[in-house]
Each structure stands twice: as C-alpha cells, then as structure tokens.
Amino acid sequence: MDTIRSASPHDEAFLFDMLYEALFVPPGCEPFPRSVLDIPEVAHCAPGFGTRTGDEGFVAEAEGAPVGAAWVRLLRAEDRGYGYVDDDTPELTVAVKREWRGQGVGTALCCRHFEVVPRMSLSSDVRNPVIGLYPRLGFETVSRDDNSVTMLRRD
C-alpha cells in the first residue's frame, strides 16, 4: 500500500465493489450473487457517497490503483443497516481486495478514520477472521444474534 486518500463521489463504483467484498462468505459456501447489493440494509451504504451529511471515507492505493476502502454513513432508524446503534452513530464499512488482505491495509484505513470520526459502529459475521481485529481497534460488542455481531467504537 502506497497511500491513503480521502474518498470522493468519484469512488462510488469502487465502494460498491468493496461493499460486495465486505460480505463474509464462509469457507465452502457459494459467493452471494452481486444482486445482494440491492437489499436495502446493504444497498444504502454506498449510493451517492459524499453527497450526504456525515459521509466520510478513505481509499487505500497501491501502485496508483485502489486496494481497499473504509467509509462511514450516518443512517437513521427508519433506514438502518446491520450495524445500526442509534441515529447519531455512523456505520462503518471496510473492505480490502483479497490479494491485499492480511497486510495491514484494513487496520491503516480504520486508524485513519478514527482521526476524523472517532465514534462508529459496524456489523460483522462472527465467523469472519477479521472479527478479532475490531476489539484491538477499540470496538466493543453491543449486541449479537445468530452469527452476527454489532460493535461500537466510542469516542
């Protein structure tokens, strides 16, 4: 990874790609169809990024190409995501291209985010290996059901 830059509305297509990558698929299971991005609880994370109050994001690049992204969006109870905590806490989405995982890109993106938005929530599948990273970054579990956990990083 060479650099981390602010995300802009021009990154929307890449954010959709990263949103798809963020969806955990257990080993041995078929990947989700790309149409999963049309499910309202998923879809509202990326459309029109940078045009809504509270949108903040960063893109990691290597050799001039994007390799990962982390962004937050403030969602309301009537349009909540899986990581919803309350109307004042933005939800974090973070993903890294498969070939760049395990190299600190996601951690660097999150840490850059904390400089701008210290309080945020997220949702993760408990079977996802990245789940162990979040407590080290200051996230605490606030709810859990089945295989999903919602975590909060307080300011």
Foldseek 3Di string as FASTA:
>chain_A
DPDKDKDAQVCLVVVLVQLLQQDDDPPPGDRDDSCVCVPQLSVVFRPPQPPDPPWTKMFDDDPRHTFKMKIWDQDAPVRHHPQDDHNVATAMRIGGHPVCPPVCPRVVRVVVVCVPHVKHKYKDFQVDPCVVVVVVVQWDWDDDDDRMTMTIHDD
